[in-house]
Amino acid sequence: SEFVKSNLHFYTCLFVAFLNRAARLDFEVAADARMIMSVLRAFSLPGLLDSLKQWEAESLKHQRSPSVYTTAAAPRFGPGVVGGPDYLPIASGETTQMVQYLLERLQWAEADIR
């Protein structure tokens, strides 16, 4: 959707920042575990990840320099700006490992959540 595309930074950079923070939450607290499940469920909507990968690739392809994304009008958040020096692509192996780690922790905590 155009909304997701126009908010690519949220769906990529801030999602990775969320994953880093979520890994430090207490999974025995039901509210924390539910929040993580809710975010992961939203990112597993059919076609969303494929669309994000495509738009992310387009953004990186057309980017002239990282400074385009670090002006006062577009502040840096979390793990970097799309294409910035510390940017972690949403489909990277590291991001996939973070999601897998959260899913494994959620499975262990599932009995306590219900």
N, C-alpha and C. Protein backbone atom coordinates (compact mmCIF):
# COMPACT_ATOMS: atom_id res chain seq x y z
N SER A 1 0.83 -1.18 0.00
CA SER A 1 0.00 0.00 0.00
C SER A 1 0.88 1.25 0.00
N GLU A 2 0.31 2.34 -0.45
CA GLU A 2 1.06 3.60 -0.49
C GLU A 2 1.42 4.07 0.92
N PHE A 3 0.57 3.79 1.90
CA PHE A 3 0.88 4.19 3.28
C PHE A 3 2.16 3.52 3.76
N VAL A 4 2.26 2.22 3.54
CA VAL A 4 3.46 1.49 3.97
C VAL A 4 4.67 2.01 3.21
N LYS A 5 4.53 2.20 1.91
CA LYS A 5 5.65 2.67 1.10
C LYS A 5 6.11 4.05 1.56
N SER A 6 5.17 4.93 1.88
CA SER A 6 5.55 6.27 2.30
C SER A 6 6.11 6.30 3.72
N ASN A 7 5.94 5.23 4.46
CA ASN A 7 6.48 5.11 5.82
C ASN A 7 7.53 4.00 5.89
N LEU A 8 8.28 3.85 4.82
CA LEU A 8 9.27 2.78 4.73
C LEU A 8 10.24 2.80 5.91
N HIS A 9 10.65 3.99 6.32
CA HIS A 9 11.59 4.12 7.44
C HIS A 9 11.04 3.43 8.68
N PHE A 10 9.76 3.63 8.97
CA PHE A 10 9.16 2.98 10.13
C PHE A 10 9.17 1.46 9.98
N TYR A 11 8.82 1.00 8.82
CA TYR A 11 8.70 -0.43 8.61
C TYR A 11 10.04 -1.14 8.47
N THR A 12 11.11 -0.40 8.35
CA THR A 12 12.43 -1.03 8.25
C THR A 12 13.28 -0.67 9.46
N CYS A 13 13.76 0.55 9.53
CA CYS A 13 14.67 0.96 10.59
C CYS A 13 14.07 0.82 11.99
N LEU A 14 12.88 1.33 12.17
CA LEU A 14 12.28 1.27 13.51
C LEU A 14 11.88 -0.14 13.89
N PHE A 15 11.53 -0.97 12.90
CA PHE A 15 11.22 -2.37 13.20
C PHE A 15 12.46 -3.08 13.73
N VAL A 16 13.61 -2.84 13.12
CA VAL A 16 14.86 -3.46 13.58
C VAL A 16 15.20 -2.95 14.99
N ALA A 17 14.98 -1.66 15.24
CA ALA A 17 15.21 -1.11 16.58
C ALA A 17 14.26 -1.78 17.58
N PHE A 18 13.01 -2.01 17.18
CA PHE A 18 12.06 -2.71 18.04
C PHE A 18 12.55 -4.12 18.36
N LEU A 19 13.05 -4.82 17.35
CA LEU A 19 13.54 -6.18 17.57
C LEU A 19 14.66 -6.19 18.60
N ASN A 20 15.58 -5.24 18.48
CA ASN A 20 16.69 -5.16 19.45
C ASN A 20 16.16 -4.92 20.86
N ARG A 21 15.19 -4.05 20.99
CA ARG A 21 14.63 -3.74 22.31
C ARG A 21 13.79 -4.91 22.83
N ALA A 22 13.03 -5.52 21.97
CA ALA A 22 12.15 -6.62 22.38
C ALA A 22 12.95 -7.79 22.93
N ALA A 23 14.14 -8.01 22.41
CA ALA A 23 14.97 -9.12 22.87
C ALA A 23 15.37 -8.94 24.34
N ARG A 24 15.30 -7.71 24.85
CA ARG A 24 15.68 -7.46 26.24
C ARG A 24 14.48 -7.42 27.18
N LEU A 25 13.27 -7.60 26.65
CA LEU A 25 12.08 -7.58 27.50
C LEU A 25 11.94 -8.88 28.29
N ASP A 26 11.16 -8.80 29.34
CA ASP A 26 10.88 -9.96 30.18
C ASP A 26 9.71 -10.73 29.58
N PHE A 27 9.99 -11.87 29.01
CA PHE A 27 8.94 -12.65 28.34
C PHE A 27 7.99 -13.32 29.32
N GLU A 28 8.29 -13.26 30.60
CA GLU A 28 7.37 -13.81 31.59
C GLU A 28 6.27 -12.81 31.93
N VAL A 29 6.42 -11.57 31.51
CA VAL A 29 5.38 -10.56 31.68
C VAL A 29 4.45 -10.68 30.47
N ALA A 30 3.22 -11.07 30.74
CA ALA A 30 2.28 -11.36 29.65
C ALA A 30 2.09 -10.17 28.71
N ALA A 31 2.02 -8.97 29.25
CA ALA A 31 1.81 -7.79 28.39
C ALA A 31 2.97 -7.60 27.43
N ASP A 32 4.20 -7.83 27.88
CA ASP A 32 5.37 -7.71 27.00
C ASP A 32 5.31 -8.75 25.89
N ALA A 33 5.03 -9.98 26.25
CA ALA A 33 4.97 -11.06 25.27
C ALA A 33 3.85 -10.82 24.25
N ARG A 34 2.70 -10.35 24.72
CA ARG A 34 1.59 -10.07 23.80
C ARG A 34 1.96 -8.96 22.82
N MET A 35 2.65 -7.92 23.31
CA MET A 35 3.05 -6.82 22.44
C MET A 35 3.98 -7.34 21.34
N ILE A 36 4.94 -8.15 21.71
CA ILE A 36 5.88 -8.70 20.73
C ILE A 36 5.13 -9.56 19.71
N MET A 37 4.23 -10.41 20.20
CA MET A 37 3.45 -11.25 19.28
C MET A 37 2.63 -10.40 18.33
N SER A 38 2.06 -9.33 18.84
CA SER A 38 1.24 -8.46 18.02
C SER A 38 2.05 -7.80 16.90
N VAL A 39 3.23 -7.31 17.23
CA VAL A 39 4.08 -6.68 16.21
C VAL A 39 4.53 -7.71 15.18
N LEU A 40 4.98 -8.88 15.64
CA LEU A 40 5.42 -9.91 14.70
C LEU A 40 4.27 -10.38 13.82
N ARG A 41 3.07 -10.46 14.39
CA ARG A 41 1.89 -10.86 13.60
C ARG A 41 1.62 -9.81 12.51
N ALA A 42 1.75 -8.53 12.84
CA ALA A 42 1.51 -7.48 11.86
C ALA A 42 2.53 -7.56 10.72
N PHE A 43 3.77 -7.88 11.05
CA PHE A 43 4.80 -7.96 10.02
C PHE A 43 4.73 -9.26 9.22
N SER A 44 3.87 -10.18 9.63
CA SER A 44 3.73 -11.42 8.88
C SER A 44 2.50 -11.40 7.97
N LEU A 45 1.88 -10.22 7.80
CA LEU A 45 0.74 -10.11 6.90
C LEU A 45 1.16 -10.52 5.49
N PRO A 46 0.29 -11.21 4.77
CA PRO A 46 0.64 -11.68 3.42
C PRO A 46 1.13 -10.55 2.52
N GLY A 47 2.29 -10.76 1.93
CA GLY A 47 2.84 -9.81 0.97
C GLY A 47 3.60 -8.64 1.56
N LEU A 48 3.49 -8.38 2.86
CA LEU A 48 4.13 -7.21 3.44
C LEU A 48 5.65 -7.29 3.33
N LEU A 49 6.24 -8.39 3.74
CA LEU A 49 7.69 -8.50 3.71
C LEU A 49 8.23 -8.40 2.28
N ASP A 50 7.55 -9.04 1.33
CA ASP A 50 7.99 -8.96 -0.06
C ASP A 50 7.93 -7.51 -0.57
N SER A 51 6.86 -6.80 -0.21
CA SER A 51 6.73 -5.40 -0.61
C SER A 51 7.82 -4.56 0.03
N LEU A 52 8.08 -4.78 1.31
CA LEU A 52 9.12 -4.02 2.00
C LEU A 52 10.49 -4.24 1.36
N LYS A 53 10.78 -5.49 1.03
CA LYS A 53 12.06 -5.80 0.37
C LYS A 53 12.18 -5.04 -0.95
N GLN A 54 11.10 -5.04 -1.73
CA GLN A 54 11.10 -4.37 -3.02
C GLN A 54 11.29 -2.87 -2.86
N TRP A 55 10.52 -2.25 -1.98
CA TRP A 55 10.61 -0.80 -1.79
C TRP A 55 11.95 -0.40 -1.18
N GLU A 56 12.45 -1.24 -0.30
CA GLU A 56 13.74 -0.98 0.30
C GLU A 56 14.84 -1.01 -0.78
N ALA A 57 14.78 -2.00 -1.65
CA ALA A 57 15.75 -2.10 -2.74
C ALA A 57 15.65 -0.90 -3.67
N GLU A 58 14.42 -0.47 -3.98
CA GLU A 58 14.23 0.71 -4.83
C GLU A 58 14.81 1.95 -4.16
N SER A 59 14.56 2.09 -2.87
CA SER A 59 15.06 3.24 -2.13
C SER A 59 16.58 3.27 -2.14
N LEU A 60 17.19 2.12 -1.93
CA LEU A 60 18.65 2.05 -1.92
C LEU A 60 19.23 2.30 -3.32
N LYS A 61 18.53 1.82 -4.33
CA LYS A 61 18.99 1.97 -5.71
C LYS A 61 18.97 3.44 -6.15
N HIS A 62 17.95 4.17 -5.73
CA HIS A 62 17.77 5.55 -6.17
C HIS A 62 18.41 6.56 -5.23
N GLN A 63 18.95 6.10 -4.16
CA GLN A 63 19.55 7.00 -3.18
C GLN A 63 20.85 7.57 -3.72
N ARG A 64 21.01 8.86 -3.58
CA ARG A 64 22.23 9.52 -4.06
C ARG A 64 23.30 9.57 -2.99
N SER A 65 22.88 9.86 -1.76
CA SER A 65 23.83 9.85 -0.66
C SER A 65 23.05 9.74 0.64
N PRO A 66 23.67 9.16 1.67
CA PRO A 66 22.99 9.02 2.95
C PRO A 66 22.56 10.36 3.54
N SER A 67 23.22 11.45 3.19
CA SER A 67 22.87 12.75 3.76
C SER A 67 21.46 13.18 3.38
N VAL A 68 20.92 12.63 2.30
CA VAL A 68 19.55 12.95 1.91
C VAL A 68 18.59 12.59 3.04
N TYR A 69 18.92 11.57 3.81
CA TYR A 69 18.03 11.08 4.84
C TYR A 69 18.40 11.56 6.24
N THR A 70 19.42 12.37 6.38
CA THR A 70 19.83 12.79 7.72
C THR A 70 19.72 14.29 7.92
N THR A 71 18.83 14.93 7.18
CA THR A 71 18.61 16.36 7.36
C THR A 71 17.78 16.59 8.60
N ALA A 72 17.64 17.84 8.99
CA ALA A 72 16.83 18.17 10.17
C ALA A 72 15.39 17.73 9.98
N ALA A 73 14.91 17.73 8.73
CA ALA A 73 13.52 17.33 8.47
C ALA A 73 13.34 15.82 8.57
N ALA A 74 14.41 15.06 8.50
CA ALA A 74 14.32 13.60 8.56
C ALA A 74 15.37 13.09 9.53
N PRO A 75 15.10 13.18 10.84
CA PRO A 75 16.11 12.78 11.82
C PRO A 75 16.37 11.29 11.81
N ARG A 76 17.55 10.92 12.27
CA ARG A 76 17.92 9.52 12.37
C ARG A 76 17.28 8.90 13.59
N PHE A 77 16.80 7.69 13.42
CA PHE A 77 16.22 6.93 14.52
C PHE A 77 16.83 5.54 14.51
N GLY A 78 16.86 4.92 15.66
CA GLY A 78 17.21 3.51 15.76
C GLY A 78 18.48 3.12 15.05
N PRO A 79 18.44 2.02 14.32
CA PRO A 79 19.65 1.46 13.73
C PRO A 79 20.10 2.14 12.45
N GLY A 80 19.59 3.28 12.13
CA GLY A 80 20.07 3.99 10.96
C GLY A 80 18.99 4.35 9.99
N VAL A 81 19.36 5.09 9.00
CA VAL A 81 18.43 5.49 7.97
C VAL A 81 18.59 4.53 6.79
N VAL A 82 17.57 4.47 5.96
CA VAL A 82 17.64 3.56 4.81
C VAL A 82 18.88 3.91 4.00
N GLY A 83 19.80 2.98 3.94
CA GLY A 83 21.02 3.18 3.18
C GLY A 83 22.15 3.84 3.95
N GLY A 84 21.91 4.24 5.18
CA GLY A 84 22.96 4.87 5.98
C GLY A 84 24.05 3.87 6.33
N PRO A 85 25.16 4.35 6.90
CA PRO A 85 26.30 3.47 7.15
C PRO A 85 26.01 2.35 8.15
N ASP A 86 25.07 2.55 9.06
CA ASP A 86 24.76 1.50 10.03
C ASP A 86 23.39 0.88 9.78
N TYR A 87 22.90 1.00 8.57
CA TYR A 87 21.58 0.49 8.20
C TYR A 87 21.60 -1.03 8.10
N LEU A 88 20.59 -1.66 8.67
CA LEU A 88 20.45 -3.11 8.61
C LEU A 88 19.20 -3.43 7.80
N PRO A 89 19.34 -3.99 6.60
CA PRO A 89 18.17 -4.29 5.76
C PRO A 89 17.20 -5.24 6.46
N ILE A 90 15.92 -5.04 6.18
CA ILE A 90 14.89 -5.82 6.85
C ILE A 90 15.00 -7.31 6.51
N ALA A 91 15.52 -7.64 5.36
CA ALA A 91 15.62 -9.04 4.95
C ALA A 91 17.01 -9.61 5.18
N SER A 92 17.81 -8.95 5.99
CA SER A 92 19.17 -9.44 6.23
C SER A 92 19.14 -10.68 7.11
N GLY A 93 20.22 -11.43 7.08
CA GLY A 93 20.33 -12.60 7.93
C GLY A 93 20.25 -12.24 9.41
N GLU A 94 20.83 -11.11 9.77
CA GLU A 94 20.81 -10.69 11.17
C GLU A 94 19.39 -10.37 11.64
N THR A 95 18.61 -9.70 10.80
CA THR A 95 17.22 -9.40 11.16
C THR A 95 16.42 -10.69 11.28
N THR A 96 16.62 -11.59 10.34
CA THR A 96 15.93 -12.89 10.39
C THR A 96 16.28 -13.64 11.66
N GLN A 97 17.54 -13.61 12.07
CA GLN A 97 17.96 -14.27 13.31
C GLN A 97 17.31 -13.64 14.52
N MET A 98 17.16 -12.31 14.52
CA MET A 98 16.51 -11.64 15.65
C MET A 98 15.05 -12.07 15.76
N VAL A 99 14.36 -12.14 14.62
CA VAL A 99 12.96 -12.57 14.63
C VAL A 99 12.87 -14.02 15.12
N GLN A 100 13.74 -14.88 14.62
CA GLN A 100 13.74 -16.28 15.05
C GLN A 100 13.98 -16.40 16.55
N TYR A 101 14.90 -15.62 17.08
CA TYR A 101 15.19 -15.62 18.51
C TYR A 101 13.95 -15.22 19.32
N LEU A 102 13.26 -14.18 18.87
CA LEU A 102 12.05 -13.75 19.58
C LEU A 102 10.97 -14.82 19.52
N LEU A 103 10.81 -15.45 18.36
CA LEU A 103 9.81 -16.51 18.24
C LEU A 103 10.11 -17.68 19.17
N GLU A 104 11.38 -18.04 19.28
CA GLU A 104 11.77 -19.13 20.18
C GLU A 104 11.49 -18.76 21.63
N ARG A 105 11.81 -17.54 22.01
CA ARG A 105 11.54 -17.10 23.38
C ARG A 105 10.04 -17.05 23.66
N LEU A 106 9.26 -16.65 22.66
CA LEU A 106 7.81 -16.61 22.83
C LEU A 106 7.24 -18.02 23.01
N GLN A 107 7.80 -18.98 22.30
CA GLN A 107 7.33 -20.36 22.46
C GLN A 107 7.56 -20.83 23.89
N TRP A 108 8.72 -20.51 24.45
CA TRP A 108 9.02 -20.92 25.82
C TRP A 108 8.09 -20.23 26.82
N ALA A 109 7.72 -19.00 26.52
CA ALA A 109 6.88 -18.22 27.44
C ALA A 109 5.39 -18.46 27.22
N GLU A 110 5.03 -19.13 26.14
CA GLU A 110 3.63 -19.29 25.77
C GLU A 110 2.76 -19.87 26.89
N ALA A 111 3.25 -20.82 27.59
CA ALA A 111 2.48 -21.44 28.67
C ALA A 111 2.16 -20.42 29.76
N ASP A 112 3.08 -19.53 30.02
CA ASP A 112 2.86 -18.52 31.05
C ASP A 112 1.93 -17.41 30.59
N ILE A 113 1.87 -17.16 29.27
CA ILE A 113 1.06 -16.09 28.73
C ILE A 113 -0.41 -16.43 28.82
N ARG A 114 -0.74 -17.68 28.58
CA ARG A 114 -2.15 -18.10 28.55
C ARG A 114 -2.61 -18.45 29.89
